[in-house]
Amino acid sequence: MAMTRRQRMNVYFEPGLLKQVEALAARRKVSKSAVIEAAVLSLVSGEDDGRRDAALSKRLDRLGRRIDDVDEAVAVLGEAFALYARSWMTHQLPIPANENEVARDRGAEMYARFNEVLVRRLSNGRRFLNERVRDVVGQKDANTGG
């Protein structure tokens, strides 16, 4: 039975990297050559690629979910603000001083109705801002004859 003989190779490392190799070898109680051989074998076999790709994919999935959450929150805030602004602009009336309590009650009713409309619009996917964009584009098309 013939033994495979290892071949010697001289390599050069930056001092910081060599210290890391030495520290890893000491922690694992193996030679520096064993650490370097394992690293090179992992690199040429593509073994780390799968783990690295899986870790990257997991991080990207997590970031994607966070972006979706932020996107939904921004949509809710934008929709709420747009509805509020439209409601405020169309219903803002001067209130005589002797009608403050009635106005407060009416304001509470309007706010409750505002919340109902907001929830209904968000649940069916309608967005005021998208409607405004379509309206503006439609007006431009009508004005330009396109």
C-alpha atoms as a PDB file:
ATOM      1  CA  MET A   1       0.000   0.000   0.000  1.00  0.00           C
ATOM      2  CA  ALA A   2       1.574   3.243  -1.110  1.00  0.00           C
ATOM      3  CA  MET A   3       1.233   6.230   1.201  1.00  0.00           C
ATOM      4  CA  THR A   4       0.321   9.541  -0.283  1.00  0.00           C
ATOM      5  CA  ARG A   5       3.099  11.914   0.388  1.00  0.00           C
ATOM      6  CA  ARG A   6       2.268  15.524   1.132  1.00  0.00           C
ATOM      7  CA  GLN A   7       3.997  18.208  -0.837  1.00  0.00           C
ATOM      8  CA  ARG A   8       5.437  21.289   0.699  1.00  0.00           C
ATOM      9  CA  MET A   9       4.292  24.721  -0.414  1.00  0.00           C
ATOM     10  CA  ASN A  10       5.511  28.105   0.738  1.00  0.00           C
ATOM     11  CA  VAL A  11       2.874  30.817   1.049  1.00  0.00           C
ATOM     12  CA  TYR A  12       2.939  34.352   2.339  1.00  0.00           C
ATOM     13  CA  PHE A  13       0.355  35.914   4.636  1.00  0.00           C
ATOM     14  CA  GLU A  14      -0.278  39.353   5.968  1.00  0.00           C
ATOM     15  CA  PRO A  15       0.796  39.459   9.641  1.00  0.00           C
ATOM     16  CA  GLY A  16      -2.788  39.963  10.882  1.00  0.00           C
ATOM     17  CA  LEU A  17      -4.105  36.989   8.913  1.00  0.00           C
ATOM     18  CA  LEU A  18      -1.228  34.789  10.099  1.00  0.00           C
ATOM     19  CA  LYS A  19      -2.074  35.673  13.710  1.00  0.00           C
ATOM     20  CA  GLN A  20      -5.684  34.657  13.089  1.00  0.00           C
ATOM     21  CA  VAL A  21      -4.550  31.322  11.593  1.00  0.00           C
ATOM     22  CA  GLU A  22      -2.269  30.733  14.569  1.00  0.00           C
ATOM     23  CA  ALA A  23      -5.036  31.588  17.044  1.00  0.00           C
ATOM     24  CA  LEU A  24      -7.507  29.257  15.298  1.00  0.00           C
ATOM     25  CA  ALA A  25      -4.943  26.450  15.225  1.00  0.00           C
ATOM     26  CA  ALA A  26      -4.290  26.920  18.941  1.00  0.00           C
ATOM     27  CA  ARG A  27      -8.011  26.919  19.801  1.00  0.00           C
ATOM     28  CA  ARG A  28      -8.652  23.766  17.786  1.00  0.00           C
ATOM     29  CA  LYS A  29      -5.384  22.161  18.877  1.00  0.00           C
ATOM     30  CA  VAL A  30      -4.295  21.476  15.301  1.00  0.00           C
ATOM     31  CA  SER A  31      -1.385  22.626  13.189  1.00  0.00           C
ATOM     32  CA  LYS A  32      -1.430  25.823  11.129  1.00  0.00           C
ATOM     33  CA  SER A  33      -1.081  23.622   8.057  1.00  0.00           C
ATOM     34  CA  ALA A  34      -4.268  21.762   9.002  1.00  0.00           C
ATOM     35  CA  VAL A  35      -6.181  25.044   9.339  1.00  0.00           C
ATOM     36  CA  ILE A  36      -4.958  26.289   5.961  1.00  0.00           C
ATOM     37  CA  GLU A  37      -5.563  22.922   4.288  1.00  0.00           C
ATOM     38  CA  ALA A  38      -9.168  22.863   5.607  1.00  0.00           C
ATOM     39  CA  ALA A  39      -9.740  26.431   4.402  1.00  0.00           C
ATOM     40  CA  VAL A  40      -8.385  25.735   0.917  1.00  0.00           C
ATOM     41  CA  LEU A  41     -10.309  22.450   0.668  1.00  0.00           C
ATOM     42  CA  SER A  42     -13.512  24.217   1.682  1.00  0.00           C
ATOM     43  CA  LEU A  43     -12.886  26.932  -0.906  1.00  0.00           C
ATOM     44  CA  VAL A  44     -12.112  24.597  -3.826  1.00  0.00           C
ATOM     45  CA  SER A  45     -14.924  22.162  -2.992  1.00  0.00           C
ATOM     46  CA  GLY A  46     -17.502  24.955  -2.791  1.00  0.00           C
ATOM     47  CA  GLU A  47     -18.605  23.653   0.620  1.00  0.00           C
ATOM     48  CA  ASP A  48     -18.780  27.124   2.113  1.00  0.00           C
ATOM     49  CA  ASP A  49     -20.673  28.486  -0.875  1.00  0.00           C
ATOM     50  CA  GLY A  50     -23.808  26.584   0.095  1.00  0.00           C
ATOM     51  CA  ARG A  51     -23.697  27.716   3.700  1.00  0.00           C
ATOM     52  CA  ARG A  52     -22.867  31.261   2.712  1.00  0.00           C
ATOM     53  CA  ASP A  53     -25.683  31.305   0.148  1.00  0.00           C
ATOM     54  CA  ALA A  54     -28.145  29.895   2.707  1.00  0.00           C
ATOM     55  CA  ALA A  55     -27.145  32.501   5.292  1.00  0.00           C
ATOM     56  CA  LEU A  56     -27.376  35.280   2.718  1.00  0.00           C
ATOM     57  CA  SER A  57     -30.751  34.036   1.524  1.00  0.00           C
ATOM     58  CA  LYS A  58     -32.034  33.927   5.096  1.00  0.00           C
ATOM     59  CA  ARG A  59     -30.863  37.493   5.724  1.00  0.00           C
ATOM     60  CA  LEU A  60     -32.386  38.703   2.466  1.00  0.00           C
ATOM     61  CA  ASP A  61     -35.701  37.040   3.327  1.00  0.00           C
ATOM     62  CA  ARG A  62     -35.688  38.739   6.733  1.00  0.00           C
ATOM     63  CA  LEU A  63     -34.896  42.107   5.148  1.00  0.00           C
ATOM     64  CA  GLY A  64     -37.608  41.549   2.554  1.00  0.00           C
ATOM     65  CA  ARG A  65     -40.182  40.954   5.282  1.00  0.00           C
ATOM     66  CA  ARG A  66     -39.058  44.087   7.104  1.00  0.00           C
ATOM     67  CA  ILE A  67     -39.337  46.119   3.914  1.00  0.00           C
ATOM     68  CA  ASP A  68     -42.840  44.738   3.357  1.00  0.00           C
ATOM     69  CA  ASP A  69     -43.793  45.758   6.907  1.00  0.00           C
ATOM     70  CA  VAL A  70     -42.405  49.256   6.408  1.00  0.00           C
ATOM     71  CA  ASP A  71     -44.118  49.525   3.031  1.00  0.00           C
ATOM     72  CA  GLU A  72     -47.476  48.602   4.565  1.00  0.00           C
ATOM     73  CA  ALA A  73     -46.976  51.036   7.456  1.00  0.00           C
ATOM     74  CA  VAL A  74     -46.128  53.851   5.043  1.00  0.00           C
ATOM     75  CA  ALA A  75     -49.173  52.986   2.935  1.00  0.00           C
ATOM     76  CA  VAL A  76     -51.430  53.115   6.002  1.00  0.00           C
ATOM     77  CA  LEU A  77     -49.955  56.428   7.126  1.00  0.00           C
ATOM     78  CA  GLY A  78     -50.172  57.907   3.652  1.00  0.00           C
ATOM     79  CA  GLU A  79     -53.743  56.760   3.237  1.00  0.00           C
ATOM     80  CA  ALA A  80     -54.755  58.054   6.663  1.00  0.00           C
ATOM     81  CA  PHE A  81     -53.179  61.417   6.039  1.00  0.00           C
ATOM     82  CA  ALA A  82     -54.682  61.739   2.567  1.00  0.00           C
ATOM     83  CA  LEU A  83     -58.164  60.906   3.835  1.00  0.00           C
ATOM     84  CA  TYR A  84     -57.782  63.239   6.782  1.00  0.00           C
ATOM     85  CA  ALA A  85     -56.579  66.098   4.621  1.00  0.00           C
ATOM     86  CA  ARG A  86     -59.408  65.622   2.138  1.00  0.00           C
ATOM     87  CA  SER A  87     -61.972  65.420   4.935  1.00  0.00           C
ATOM     88  CA  TRP A  88     -60.538  68.437   6.749  1.00  0.00           C
ATOM     89  CA  MET A  89     -60.468  70.555   3.632  1.00  0.00           C
ATOM     90  CA  THR A  90     -64.025  69.728   2.605  1.00  0.00           C
ATOM     91  CA  HIS A  91     -65.606  69.963   6.074  1.00  0.00           C
ATOM     92  CA  GLN A  92     -63.681  72.743   7.773  1.00  0.00           C
ATOM     93  CA  LEU A  93     -66.201  75.367   8.838  1.00  0.00           C
ATOM     94  CA  PRO A  94     -65.898  78.255  11.300  1.00  0.00           C
ATOM     95  CA  ILE A  95     -67.544  77.364  14.645  1.00  0.00           C
ATOM     96  CA  PRO A  96     -69.457  79.966  16.655  1.00  0.00           C
ATOM     97  CA  ALA A  97     -68.269  80.152  20.286  1.00  0.00           C
ATOM     98  CA  ASN A  98     -71.646  79.018  21.662  1.00  0.00           C
ATOM     99  CA  GLU A  99     -71.497  75.722  19.646  1.00  0.00           C
ATOM    100  CA  ASN A 100     -68.181  74.296  20.918  1.00  0.00           C
ATOM    101  CA  GLU A 101     -69.719  71.261  22.650  1.00  0.00           C
ATOM    102  CA  VAL A 102     -71.830  70.357  19.626  1.00  0.00           C
ATOM    103  CA  ALA A 103     -68.786  70.794  17.415  1.00  0.00           C
ATOM    104  CA  ARG A 104     -66.736  68.528  19.709  1.00  0.00           C
ATOM    105  CA  ASP A 105     -69.410  65.806  19.482  1.00  0.00           C
ATOM    106  CA  ARG A 106     -69.639  66.219  15.731  1.00  0.00           C
ATOM    107  CA  GLY A 107     -65.843  66.005  15.513  1.00  0.00           C
ATOM    108  CA  ALA A 108     -65.867  62.724  17.471  1.00  0.00           C
ATOM    109  CA  GLU A 109     -68.495  61.312  15.085  1.00  0.00           C
ATOM    110  CA  MET A 110     -66.488  62.419  12.072  1.00  0.00           C
ATOM    111  CA  TYR A 111     -63.330  60.877  13.495  1.00  0.00           C
ATOM    112  CA  ALA A 112     -65.115  57.552  14.076  1.00  0.00           C
ATOM    113  CA  ARG A 113     -66.415  57.632  10.498  1.00  0.00           C
ATOM    114  CA  PHE A 114     -62.914  58.543   9.288  1.00  0.00           C
ATOM    115  CA  ASN A 115     -61.504  55.417  10.971  1.00  0.00           C
ATOM    116  CA  GLU A 116     -64.217  53.224   9.450  1.00  0.00           C
ATOM    117  CA  VAL A 117     -63.528  54.553   5.966  1.00  0.00           C
ATOM    118  CA  LEU A 118     -59.779  54.160   6.450  1.00  0.00           C
ATOM    119  CA  VAL A 119     -60.086  50.515   7.518  1.00  0.00           C
ATOM    120  CA  ARG A 120     -62.526  49.741   4.695  1.00  0.00           C
ATOM    121  CA  ARG A 121     -60.286  51.334   2.045  1.00  0.00           C
ATOM    122  CA  LEU A 122     -57.157  49.602   3.312  1.00  0.00           C
ATOM    123  CA  SER A 123     -58.884  46.231   3.463  1.00  0.00           C
ATOM    124  CA  ASN A 124     -60.071  46.399  -0.155  1.00  0.00           C
ATOM    125  CA  GLY A 125     -56.745  47.736  -1.469  1.00  0.00           C
ATOM    126  CA  ARG A 126     -58.006  51.123  -2.623  1.00  0.00           C
ATOM    127  CA  ARG A 127     -55.484  53.883  -2.131  1.00  0.00           C
ATOM    128  CA  PHE A 128     -56.402  57.566  -2.339  1.00  0.00           C
ATOM    129  CA  LEU A 129     -52.890  58.457  -3.470  1.00  0.00           C
ATOM    130  CA  ASN A 130     -53.063  55.999  -6.376  1.00  0.00           C
ATOM    131  CA  GLU A 131     -56.462  57.412  -7.347  1.00  0.00           C
ATOM    132  CA  ARG A 132     -54.990  60.930  -7.351  1.00  0.00           C
ATOM    133  CA  VAL A 133     -52.156  59.803  -9.638  1.00  0.00           C
ATOM    134  CA  ARG A 134     -54.666  58.203 -12.036  1.00  0.00           C
ATOM    135  CA  ASP A 135     -56.803  61.363 -11.936  1.00  0.00           C
ATOM    136  CA  VAL A 136     -53.830  63.595 -12.731  1.00  0.00           C
ATOM    137  CA  VAL A 137     -52.627  61.306 -15.531  1.00  0.00           C
ATOM    138  CA  GLY A 138     -56.184  61.156 -16.911  1.00  0.00           C
ATOM    139  CA  GLN A 139     -56.443  64.955 -16.850  1.00  0.00           C
ATOM    140  CA  LYS A 140     -53.102  65.322 -18.640  1.00  0.00           C
ATOM    141  CA  ASP A 141     -54.191  62.787 -21.274  1.00  0.00           C
ATOM    142  CA  ALA A 142     -57.503  64.615 -21.725  1.00  0.00           C
ATOM    143  CA  ASN A 143     -55.727  67.968 -22.032  1.00  0.00           C
ATOM    144  CA  THR A 144     -53.174  66.707 -24.546  1.00  0.00           C
ATOM    145  CA  GLY A 145     -55.657  64.645 -26.500  1.00  0.00           C
ATOM    146  CA  GLY A 146     -53.682  61.445 -25.730  1.00  0.00           C
END
